[in-house]
PDB file of N, CA and C in Angstrom:
ATOM      1  N   MET A   1       5.940 -10.571  11.600  1.00  0.00           N
ATOM      2  CA  MET A   1       5.495  -9.833  10.397  1.00  0.00           C
ATOM      3  C   MET A   1       6.645  -9.277   9.810  1.00  0.00           C
ATOM      4  N   PRO A   2       6.839  -9.303   8.386  1.00  0.00           N
ATOM      5  CA  PRO A   2       8.111  -8.826   7.833  1.00  0.00           C
ATOM      6  C   PRO A   2       8.225  -7.267   7.890  1.00  0.00           C
ATOM      7  N   SER A   3       7.276  -6.523   8.251  1.00  0.00           N
ATOM      8  CA  SER A   3       7.368  -5.101   8.281  1.00  0.00           C
ATOM      9  C   SER A   3       8.057  -4.534   9.555  1.00  0.00           C
ATOM     10  N   SER A   4       8.398  -5.340  10.465  1.00  0.00           N
ATOM     11  CA  SER A   4       8.899  -4.936  11.774  1.00  0.00           C
ATOM     12  C   SER A   4      10.107  -3.981  11.786  1.00  0.00           C
ATOM     13  N   SER A   5      10.926  -4.210  10.733  1.00  0.00           N
ATOM     14  CA  SER A   5      12.159  -3.387  10.642  1.00  0.00           C
ATOM     15  C   SER A   5      12.107  -2.185   9.771  1.00  0.00           C
ATOM     16  N   ILE A   6      10.838  -1.898   9.169  1.00  0.00           N
ATOM     17  CA  ILE A   6      10.671  -0.817   8.230  1.00  0.00           C
ATOM     18  C   ILE A   6       9.994   0.323   8.985  1.00  0.00           C
ATOM     19  N   THR A   7      10.656   1.474   8.947  1.00  0.00           N
ATOM     20  CA  THR A   7      10.185   2.697   9.546  1.00  0.00           C
ATOM     21  C   THR A   7       9.686   3.635   8.395  1.00  0.00           C
ATOM     22  N   LEU A   8       8.336   4.020   8.421  1.00  0.00           N
ATOM     23  CA  LEU A   8       7.812   4.860   7.523  1.00  0.00           C
ATOM     24  C   LEU A   8       7.552   6.232   8.108  1.00  0.00           C
ATOM     25  N   THR A   9       7.832   7.297   7.347  1.00  0.00           N
ATOM     26  CA  THR A   9       7.467   8.668   7.767  1.00  0.00           C
ATOM     27  C   THR A   9       6.447   9.237   6.806  1.00  0.00           C
ATOM     28  N   SER A  10       5.857  10.324   7.289  1.00  0.00           N
ATOM     29  CA  SER A  10       4.793  10.947   6.605  1.00  0.00           C
ATOM     30  C   SER A  10       5.262  11.613   5.289  1.00  0.00           C
ATOM     31  N   ARG A  11       6.552  11.751   5.145  1.00  0.00           N
ATOM     32  CA  ARG A  11       7.199  12.386   4.039  1.00  0.00           C
ATOM     33  C   ARG A  11       7.627  11.403   2.935  1.00  0.00           C
ATOM     34  N   ASP A  12       7.611  10.084   3.264  1.00  0.00           N
ATOM     35  CA  ASP A  12       7.961   9.092   2.276  1.00  0.00           C
ATOM     36  C   ASP A  12       6.915   8.953   1.118  1.00  0.00           C
ATOM     37  N   PHE A  13       7.440   8.785  -0.033  1.00  0.00           N
ATOM     38  CA  PHE A  13       6.530   8.526  -1.203  1.00  0.00           C
ATOM     39  C   PHE A  13       6.638   6.970  -1.452  1.00  0.00           C
ATOM     40  N   PHE A  14       5.452   6.457  -1.764  1.00  0.00           N
ATOM     41  CA  PHE A  14       5.272   5.000  -2.013  1.00  0.00           C
ATOM     42  C   PHE A  14       5.106   4.836  -3.496  1.00  0.00           C
ATOM     43  N   VAL A  15       5.875   4.053  -4.114  1.00  0.00           N
ATOM     44  CA  VAL A  15       5.854   3.800  -5.589  1.00  0.00           C
ATOM     45  C   VAL A  15       5.647   2.365  -5.879  1.00  0.00           C
ATOM     46  N   ARG A  16       4.640   2.058  -6.651  1.00  0.00           N
ATOM     47  CA  ARG A  16       4.353   0.609  -7.052  1.00  0.00           C
ATOM     48  C   ARG A  16       5.402   0.095  -8.009  1.00  0.00           C
ATOM     49  N   ARG A  17       5.709  -1.123  -7.885  1.00  0.00           N
ATOM     50  CA  ARG A  17       6.519  -1.748  -8.938  1.00  0.00           C
ATOM     51  C   ARG A  17       5.679  -1.992 -10.156  1.00  0.00           C
ATOM     52  N   GLU A  18       6.270  -1.581 -11.355  1.00  0.00           N
ATOM     53  CA  GLU A  18       5.353  -1.626 -12.522  1.00  0.00           C
ATOM     54  C   GLU A  18       5.204  -3.011 -13.061  1.00  0.00           C
ATOM     55  N   ASP A  19       6.045  -3.990 -12.718  1.00  0.00           N
ATOM     56  CA  ASP A  19       5.906  -5.351 -13.229  1.00  0.00           C
ATOM     57  C   ASP A  19       4.974  -6.253 -12.377  1.00  0.00           C
ATOM     58  N   VAL A  20       4.372  -5.700 -11.241  1.00  0.00           N
ATOM     59  CA  VAL A  20       3.509  -6.405 -10.471  1.00  0.00           C
ATOM     60  C   VAL A  20       2.121  -6.430 -11.156  1.00  0.00           C
ATOM     61  N   GLU A  21       1.510  -7.545 -11.433  1.00  0.00           N
ATOM     62  CA  GLU A  21       0.341  -7.611 -12.041  1.00  0.00           C
ATOM     63  C   GLU A  21      -0.851  -7.473 -11.032  1.00  0.00           C
ATOM     64  N   THR A  22      -1.906  -6.788 -11.429  1.00  0.00           N
ATOM     65  CA  THR A  22      -3.066  -6.593 -10.600  1.00  0.00           C
ATOM     66  C   THR A  22      -4.250  -7.283 -11.183  1.00  0.00           C
ATOM     67  N   HIS A  23      -4.871  -8.154 -10.483  1.00  0.00           N
ATOM     68  CA  HIS A  23      -6.077  -8.858 -11.044  1.00  0.00           C
ATOM     69  C   HIS A  23      -7.301  -8.609 -10.080  1.00  0.00           C
ATOM     70  N   THR A  24      -8.421  -8.070 -10.583  1.00  0.00           N
ATOM     71  CA  THR A  24      -9.577  -7.908  -9.825  1.00  0.00           C
ATOM     72  C   THR A  24     -10.365  -9.193  -9.770  1.00  0.00           C
ATOM     73  N   LEU A  25     -10.720  -9.590  -8.584  1.00  0.00           N
ATOM     74  CA  LEU A  25     -11.517 -10.871  -8.387  1.00  0.00           C
ATOM     75  C   LEU A  25     -12.965 -10.500  -8.353  1.00  0.00           C
ATOM     76  N   PRO A  26     -13.820 -11.579  -8.644  1.00  0.00           N
ATOM     77  CA  PRO A  26     -15.253 -11.319  -8.664  1.00  0.00           C
ATOM     78  C   PRO A  26     -15.878 -10.553  -7.406  1.00  0.00           C
ATOM     79  N   ASP A  27     -15.285 -10.822  -6.274  1.00  0.00           N
ATOM     80  CA  ASP A  27     -15.822 -10.191  -5.155  1.00  0.00           C
ATOM     81  C   ASP A  27     -15.263  -8.758  -4.859  1.00  0.00           C
ATOM     82  N   GLY A  28     -14.525  -8.220  -5.848  1.00  0.00           N
ATOM     83  CA  GLY A  28     -13.947  -6.883  -5.708  1.00  0.00           C
ATOM     84  C   GLY A  28     -12.650  -6.692  -5.063  1.00  0.00           C
ATOM     85  N   SER A  29     -12.124  -7.822  -4.481  1.00  0.00           N
ATOM     86  CA  SER A  29     -10.806  -7.847  -3.888  1.00  0.00           C
ATOM     87  C   SER A  29      -9.814  -7.973  -5.012  1.00  0.00           C
ATOM     88  N   LEU A  30      -8.461  -7.807  -4.707  1.00  0.00           N
ATOM     89  CA  LEU A  30      -7.448  -7.852  -5.688  1.00  0.00           C
ATOM     90  C   LEU A  30      -6.450  -8.971  -5.419  1.00  0.00           C
ATOM     91  N   LEU A  31      -5.856  -9.455  -6.416  1.00  0.00           N
ATOM     92  CA  LEU A  31      -4.777 -10.413  -6.360  1.00  0.00           C
ATOM     93  C   LEU A  31      -3.593  -9.768  -7.084  1.00  0.00           C
ATOM     94  N   LEU A  32      -2.494  -9.556  -6.322  1.00  0.00           N
ATOM     95  CA  LEU A  32      -1.294  -9.085  -6.937  1.00  0.00           C
ATOM     96  C   LEU A  32      -0.438 -10.302  -7.248  1.00  0.00           C
ATOM     97  N   TYR A  33       0.217 -10.248  -8.443  1.00  0.00           N
ATOM     98  CA  TYR A  33       1.030 -11.394  -8.827  1.00  0.00           C
ATOM     99  C   TYR A  33       2.404 -10.801  -9.258  1.00  0.00           C
ATOM    100  N   GLU A  34       3.442 -11.381  -8.583  1.00  0.00           N
ATOM    101  CA  GLU A  34       4.829 -10.971  -8.817  1.00  0.00           C
ATOM    102  C   GLU A  34       5.435 -12.110  -9.625  1.00  0.00           C
ATOM    103  N   ALA A  35       5.576 -11.914 -10.867  1.00  0.00           N
ATOM    104  CA  ALA A  35       6.062 -13.028 -11.826  1.00  0.00           C
ATOM    105  C   ALA A  35       7.478 -13.509 -11.540  1.00  0.00           C
ATOM    106  N   SER A  36       8.265 -12.661 -11.203  1.00  0.00           N
ATOM    107  CA  SER A  36       9.742 -13.069 -10.920  1.00  0.00           C
ATOM    108  C   SER A  36       9.846 -14.177  -9.843  1.00  0.00           C
ATOM    109  N   SER A  37       8.992 -14.121  -8.827  1.00  0.00           N
ATOM    110  CA  SER A  37       8.995 -15.136  -7.795  1.00  0.00           C
ATOM    111  C   SER A  37       7.886 -16.126  -7.816  1.00  0.00           C
ATOM    112  N   GLY A  38       6.952 -15.719  -8.698  1.00  0.00           N
ATOM    113  CA  GLY A  38       5.718 -16.611  -8.892  1.00  0.00           C
ATOM    114  C   GLY A  38       4.796 -16.524  -7.703  1.00  0.00           C
ATOM    115  N   THR A  39       4.917 -15.396  -6.966  1.00  0.00           N
ATOM    116  CA  THR A  39       4.103 -15.214  -5.716  1.00  0.00           C
ATOM    117  C   THR A  39       2.901 -14.430  -6.002  1.00  0.00           C
ATOM    118  N   ALA A  40       1.721 -14.865  -5.389  1.00  0.00           N
ATOM    119  CA  ALA A  40       0.501 -14.119  -5.451  1.00  0.00           C
ATOM    120  C   ALA A  40       0.201 -13.536  -4.062  1.00  0.00           C
ATOM    121  N   PHE A  41      -0.318 -12.317  -4.041  1.00  0.00           N
ATOM    122  CA  PHE A  41      -0.664 -11.656  -2.831  1.00  0.00           C
ATOM    123  C   PHE A  41      -2.134 -11.230  -2.836  1.00  0.00           C
ATOM    124  N   PRO A  42      -3.021 -11.942  -2.033  1.00  0.00           N
ATOM    125  CA  PRO A  42      -4.429 -11.507  -2.091  1.00  0.00           C
ATOM    126  C   PRO A  42      -4.624 -10.247  -1.177  1.00  0.00           C
ATOM    127  N   LEU A  43      -5.348  -9.313  -1.665  1.00  0.00           N
ATOM    128  CA  LEU A  43      -5.683  -8.103  -0.954  1.00  0.00           C
ATOM    129  C   LEU A  43      -7.198  -7.981  -0.669  1.00  0.00           C
ATOM    130  N   ASN A  44      -7.658  -7.726   0.529  1.00  0.00           N
ATOM    131  CA  ASN A  44      -9.010  -7.425   0.723  1.00  0.00           C
ATOM    132  C   ASN A  44      -9.366  -6.038   0.143  1.00  0.00           C
ATOM    133  N   GLU A  45     -10.607  -5.584   0.275  1.00  0.00           N
ATOM    134  CA  GLU A  45     -11.137  -4.397  -0.317  1.00  0.00           C
ATOM    135  C   GLU A  45     -10.317  -3.216   0.078  1.00  0.00           C
ATOM    136  N   SER A  46     -10.052  -3.012   1.432  1.00  0.00           N
ATOM    137  CA  SER A  46      -9.308  -1.826   1.827  1.00  0.00           C
ATOM    138  C   SER A  46      -7.871  -1.950   1.442  1.00  0.00           C
ATOM    139  N   GLY A  47      -7.291  -3.070   1.402  1.00  0.00           N
ATOM    140  CA  GLY A  47      -5.862  -3.218   0.928  1.00  0.00           C
ATOM    141  C   GLY A  47      -5.802  -2.885  -0.568  1.00  0.00           C
ATOM    142  N   GLY A  48      -6.795  -3.380  -1.311  1.00  0.00           N
ATOM    143  CA  GLY A  48      -6.859  -3.006  -2.682  1.00  0.00           C
ATOM    144  C   GLY A  48      -6.978  -1.580  -2.916  1.00  0.00           C
ATOM    145  N   ARG A  49      -7.717  -0.945  -2.069  1.00  0.00           N
ATOM    146  CA  ARG A  49      -7.895   0.587  -2.207  1.00  0.00           C
ATOM    147  C   ARG A  49      -6.550   1.322  -1.971  1.00  0.00           C
ATOM    148  N   ILE A  50      -5.820   0.856  -0.933  1.00  0.00           N
ATOM    149  CA  ILE A  50      -4.452   1.449  -0.807  1.00  0.00           C
ATOM    150  C   ILE A  50      -3.565   1.183  -1.947  1.00  0.00           C
ATOM    151  N   TRP A  51      -3.588  -0.105  -2.484  1.00  0.00           N
ATOM    152  CA  TRP A  51      -2.736  -0.429  -3.574  1.00  0.00           C
ATOM    153  C   TRP A  51      -3.177   0.517  -4.865  1.00  0.00           C
ATOM    154  N   GLU A  52      -4.473   0.746  -5.036  1.00  0.00           N
ATOM    155  CA  GLU A  52      -4.809   1.541  -6.192  1.00  0.00           C
ATOM    156  C   GLU A  52      -4.391   3.003  -5.856  1.00  0.00           C
ATOM    157  N   LEU A  53      -4.426   3.525  -4.697  1.00  0.00           N
ATOM    158  CA  LEU A  53      -4.070   4.867  -4.372  1.00  0.00           C
ATOM    159  C   LEU A  53      -2.574   5.071  -4.768  1.00  0.00           C
ATOM    160  N   CYS A  54      -1.783   3.978  -4.679  1.00  0.00           N
ATOM    161  CA  CYS A  54      -0.383   4.078  -4.896  1.00  0.00           C
ATOM    162  C   CYS A  54      -0.069   3.835  -6.455  1.00  0.00           C
ATOM    163  N   ARG A  55      -1.117   4.048  -7.265  1.00  0.00           N
ATOM    164  CA  ARG A  55      -0.810   3.984  -8.709  1.00  0.00           C
ATOM    165  C   ARG A  55       0.132   5.039  -9.208  1.00  0.00           C
ATOM    166  N   GLU A  56      -0.075   6.172  -8.586  1.00  0.00           N
ATOM    167  CA  GLU A  56       0.981   7.311  -8.709  1.00  0.00           C
ATOM    168  C   GLU A  56       1.638   7.429  -7.329  1.00  0.00           C
ATOM    169  N   PRO A  57       2.942   7.909  -7.310  1.00  0.00           N
ATOM    170  CA  PRO A  57       3.549   8.038  -6.052  1.00  0.00           C
ATOM    171  C   PRO A  57       2.757   8.863  -4.993  1.00  0.00           C
ATOM    172  N   GLN A  58       2.593   8.255  -3.903  1.00  0.00           N
ATOM    173  CA  GLN A  58       1.874   8.922  -2.835  1.00  0.00           C
ATOM    174  C   GLN A  58       2.566   8.968  -1.607  1.00  0.00           C
ATOM    175  N   ARG A  59       2.354  10.148  -0.798  1.00  0.00           N
ATOM    176  CA  ARG A  59       2.891  10.180   0.592  1.00  0.00           C
ATOM    177  C   ARG A  59       1.925   9.467   1.491  1.00  0.00           C
ATOM    178  N   LEU A  60       2.409   8.973   2.576  1.00  0.00           N
ATOM    179  CA  LEU A  60       1.511   8.418   3.637  1.00  0.00           C
ATOM    180  C   LEU A  60       0.370   9.306   4.011  1.00  0.00           C
ATOM    181  N   ASP A  61       0.657  10.587   4.229  1.00  0.00           N
ATOM    182  CA  ASP A  61      -0.398  11.545   4.662  1.00  0.00           C
ATOM    183  C   ASP A  61      -1.424  11.602   3.586  1.00  0.00           C
ATOM    184  N   GLU A  62      -1.082  11.613   2.295  1.00  0.00           N
ATOM    185  CA  GLU A  62      -1.959  11.654   1.176  1.00  0.00           C
ATOM    186  C   GLU A  62      -2.863  10.396   1.141  1.00  0.00           C
ATOM    187  N   VAL A  63      -2.291   9.308   1.354  1.00  0.00           N
ATOM    188  CA  VAL A  63      -3.072   8.007   1.383  1.00  0.00           C
ATOM    189  C   VAL A  63      -4.090   8.056   2.470  1.00  0.00           C
ATOM    190  N   VAL A  64      -3.643   8.514   3.689  1.00  0.00           N
ATOM    191  CA  VAL A  64      -4.581   8.640   4.772  1.00  0.00           C
ATOM    192  C   VAL A  64      -5.692   9.632   4.421  1.00  0.00           C
ATOM    193  N   ASP A  65      -5.304  10.766   3.877  1.00  0.00           N
ATOM    194  CA  ASP A  65      -6.376  11.737   3.608  1.00  0.00           C
ATOM    195  C   ASP A  65      -7.443  11.153   2.595  1.00  0.00           C
ATOM    196  N   LEU A  66      -6.948  10.379   1.612  1.00  0.00           N
ATOM    197  CA  LEU A  66      -7.870   9.699   0.546  1.00  0.00           C
ATOM    198  C   LEU A  66      -8.699   8.663   1.257  1.00  0.00           C
ATOM    199  N   LEU A  67      -8.088   7.916   2.138  1.00  0.00           N
ATOM    200  CA  LEU A  67      -8.875   6.884   2.836  1.00  0.00           C
ATOM    201  C   LEU A  67      -9.944   7.508   3.741  1.00  0.00           C
ATOM    202  N   SER A  68      -9.598   8.625   4.389  1.00  0.00           N
ATOM    203  CA  SER A  68     -10.519   9.342   5.294  1.00  0.00           C
ATOM    204  C   SER A  68     -11.786   9.706   4.459  1.00  0.00           C
ATOM    205  N   ALA A  69     -11.754   9.957   3.251  1.00  0.00           N
ATOM    206  CA  ALA A  69     -12.871  10.346   2.381  1.00  0.00           C
ATOM    207  C   ALA A  69     -13.685   9.157   2.109  1.00  0.00           C
ATOM    208  N   ASP A  70     -13.108   7.874   2.119  1.00  0.00           N
ATOM    209  CA  ASP A  70     -13.807   6.674   1.831  1.00  0.00           C
ATOM    210  C   ASP A  70     -14.404   5.907   3.051  1.00  0.00           C
ATOM    211  N   TYR A  71     -13.727   6.008   4.152  1.00  0.00           N
ATOM    212  CA  TYR A  71     -14.098   5.261   5.284  1.00  0.00           C
ATOM    213  C   TYR A  71     -14.406   6.104   6.515  1.00  0.00           C
ATOM    214  N   GLU A  72     -15.382   5.726   7.224  1.00  0.00           N
ATOM    215  CA  GLU A  72     -15.718   6.341   8.488  1.00  0.00           C
ATOM    216  C   GLU A  72     -15.043   5.690   9.617  1.00  0.00           C
ATOM    217  N   ALA A  73     -13.894   6.187   9.809  1.00  0.00           N
ATOM    218  CA  ALA A  73     -13.004   5.672  10.930  1.00  0.00           C
ATOM    219  C   ALA A  73     -12.066   6.808  11.391  1.00  0.00           C
ATOM    220  N   PRO A  74     -11.739   6.736  12.679  1.00  0.00           N
ATOM    221  CA  PRO A  74     -10.843   7.841  13.219  1.00  0.00           C
ATOM    222  C   PRO A  74      -9.581   7.793  12.376  1.00  0.00           C
ATOM    223  N   ARG A  75      -9.056   9.086  12.116  1.00  0.00           N
ATOM    224  CA  ARG A  75      -7.872   9.266  11.350  1.00  0.00           C
ATOM    225  C   ARG A  75      -6.675   8.528  11.929  1.00  0.00           C
ATOM    226  N   GLY A  76      -6.553   8.502  13.243  1.00  0.00           N
ATOM    227  CA  GLY A  76      -5.440   7.698  13.878  1.00  0.00           C
ATOM    228  C   GLY A  76      -5.501   6.277  13.542  1.00  0.00           C
ATOM    229  N   ASP A  77      -6.657   5.712  13.497  1.00  0.00           N
ATOM    230  CA  ASP A  77      -6.772   4.244  13.043  1.00  0.00           C
ATOM    231  C   ASP A  77      -6.449   4.041  11.602  1.00  0.00           C
ATOM    232  N   LEU A  78      -6.892   4.946  10.781  1.00  0.00           N
ATOM    233  CA  LEU A  78      -6.559   4.804   9.293  1.00  0.00           C
ATOM    234  C   LEU A  78      -5.089   4.972   9.100  1.00  0.00           C
ATOM    235  N   ASP A  79      -4.451   5.871   9.843  1.00  0.00           N
ATOM    236  CA  ASP A  79      -3.010   6.122   9.751  1.00  0.00           C
ATOM    237  C   ASP A  79      -2.239   4.888  10.172  1.00  0.00           C
ATOM    238  N   ARG A  80      -2.627   4.360  11.306  1.00  0.00           N
ATOM    239  CA  ARG A  80      -1.981   3.145  11.755  1.00  0.00           C
ATOM    240  C   ARG A  80      -2.131   1.999  10.867  1.00  0.00           C
ATOM    241  N   ASP A  81      -3.346   1.779  10.347  1.00  0.00           N
ATOM    242  CA  ASP A  81      -3.577   0.632   9.506  1.00  0.00           C
ATOM    243  C   ASP A  81      -2.870   0.761   8.198  1.00  0.00           C
ATOM    244  N   ALA A  82      -2.943   1.959   7.614  1.00  0.00           N
ATOM    245  CA  ALA A  82      -2.310   2.247   6.320  1.00  0.00           C
ATOM    246  C   ALA A  82      -0.717   2.096   6.475  1.00  0.00           C
ATOM    247  N   ARG A  83      -0.213   2.603   7.590  1.00  0.00           N
ATOM    248  CA  ARG A  83       1.271   2.504   7.789  1.00  0.00           C
ATOM    249  C   ARG A  83       1.689   1.018   7.873  1.00  0.00           C
ATOM    250  N   GLU A  84       0.900   0.228   8.628  1.00  0.00           N
ATOM    251  CA  GLU A  84       1.252  -1.225   8.771  1.00  0.00           C
ATOM    252  C   GLU A  84       1.207  -1.895   7.406  1.00  0.00           C
ATOM    253  N   PHE A  85       0.046  -1.615   6.694  1.00  0.00           N
ATOM    254  CA  PHE A  85      -0.114  -2.291   5.340  1.00  0.00           C
ATOM    255  C   PHE A  85       0.930  -1.854   4.383  1.00  0.00           C
ATOM    256  N   LEU A  86       1.230  -0.570   4.296  1.00  0.00           N
ATOM    257  CA  LEU A  86       2.272  -0.156   3.351  1.00  0.00           C
ATOM    258  C   LEU A  86       3.663  -0.759   3.718  1.00  0.00           C
ATOM    259  N   ALA A  87       3.916  -0.841   4.999  1.00  0.00           N
ATOM    260  CA  ALA A  87       5.212  -1.528   5.419  1.00  0.00           C
ATOM    261  C   ALA A  87       5.191  -3.046   4.947  1.00  0.00           C
ATOM    262  N   VAL A  88       4.143  -3.681   4.991  1.00  0.00           N
ATOM    263  CA  VAL A  88       4.128  -5.056   4.548  1.00  0.00           C
ATOM    264  C   VAL A  88       4.421  -5.072   2.997  1.00  0.00           C
ATOM    265  N   LEU A  89       3.745  -4.185   2.271  1.00  0.00           N
ATOM    266  CA  LEU A  89       3.893  -4.143   0.787  1.00  0.00           C
ATOM    267  C   LEU A  89       5.392  -3.832   0.466  1.00  0.00           C
ATOM    268  N   VAL A  90       6.062  -2.905   1.242  1.00  0.00           N
ATOM    269  CA  VAL A  90       7.403  -2.594   1.033  1.00  0.00           C
ATOM    270  C   VAL A  90       8.305  -3.794   1.393  1.00  0.00           C
ATOM    271  N   ALA A  91       8.021  -4.507   2.504  1.00  0.00           N
ATOM    272  CA  ALA A  91       8.799  -5.613   2.911  1.00  0.00           C
ATOM    273  C   ALA A  91       8.718  -6.767   1.940  1.00  0.00           C
ATOM    274  N   HIS A  92       7.608  -6.820   1.162  1.00  0.00           N
ATOM    275  CA  HIS A  92       7.493  -7.889   0.081  1.00  0.00           C
ATOM    276  C   HIS A  92       8.076  -7.470  -1.195  1.00  0.00           C
ATOM    277  N   GLY A  93       8.566  -6.094  -1.237  1.00  0.00           N
ATOM    278  CA  GLY A  93       9.051  -5.580  -2.530  1.00  0.00           C
ATOM    279  C   GLY A  93       8.028  -5.238  -3.444  1.00  0.00           C
ATOM    280  N   LEU A  94       6.807  -5.058  -3.146  1.00  0.00           N
ATOM    281  CA  LEU A  94       5.703  -4.694  -4.119  1.00  0.00           C
ATOM    282  C   LEU A  94       5.686  -3.127  -4.280  1.00  0.00           C
ATOM    283  N   LEU A  95       6.105  -2.439  -3.197  1.00  0.00           N
ATOM    284  CA  LEU A  95       6.231  -1.062  -3.252  1.00  0.00           C
ATOM    285  C   LEU A  95       7.733  -0.659  -2.833  1.00  0.00           C
ATOM    286  N   SER A  96       8.150   0.538  -3.333  1.00  0.00           N
ATOM    287  CA  SER A  96       9.422   1.047  -2.948  1.00  0.00           C
ATOM    288  C   SER A  96       9.088   2.406  -2.301  1.00  0.00           C
ATOM    289  N   ILE A  97      10.093   2.794  -1.412  1.00  0.00           N
ATOM    290  CA  ILE A  97       9.987   4.070  -0.784  1.00  0.00           C
ATOM    291  C   ILE A  97      10.941   5.053  -1.392  1.00  0.00           C
ATOM    292  N   GLN A  98      10.435   6.347  -1.726  1.00  0.00           N
ATOM    293  CA  GLN A  98      11.328   7.305  -2.088  1.00  0.00           C
ATOM    294  C   GLN A  98      11.103   8.445  -1.078  1.00  0.00           C
ATOM    295  N   SER A  99      12.168   8.873  -0.364  1.00  0.00           N
ATOM    296  CA  SER A  99      12.100   9.826   0.633  1.00  0.00           C
ATOM    297  C   SER A  99      12.160  11.164  -0.001  1.00  0.00           C
ATOM    298  N   ALA A 100      11.355  12.113   0.460  1.00  0.00           N
ATOM    299  CA  ALA A 100      11.324  13.428  -0.043  1.00  0.00           C
ATOM    300  C   ALA A 100      12.534  14.187   0.606  1.00  0.00           C
ATOM    301  N   ALA A 101      13.253  14.852  -0.281  1.00  0.00           N
ATOM    302  CA  ALA A 101      14.421  15.557   0.091  1.00  0.00           C
ATOM    303  C   ALA A 101      14.012  17.037   0.425  1.00  0.00           C
ATOM    304  N   ARG A 102      14.715  17.542   1.463  1.00  0.00           N
ATOM    305  CA  ARG A 102      14.483  18.904   1.871  1.00  0.00           C
ATOM    306  C   ARG A 102      15.739  19.468   2.424  1.00  0.00           C
TER     307      ARG A 102
END
């Protein structure tokens, strides 16, 4: 999996690339299209929800908080799944990471 070398922290902000097109499919899932490479990325419902949450820069903890309101799953599971999925989106260049400075 391309995310293996990406380390995410709860303080990182995830920012969507503005040039990635988002298409909603009839079943409610999403298809992301990256025109520069001609690559399409299908997202299931939960992946689409995470993508939509990143419309504005979001920290990992904020994403997990919002997912907790939508899904009945242990927070640890949501954190793990969101972390893995965000790392995949970053690895594919669909999201960028902005670290919070302190």
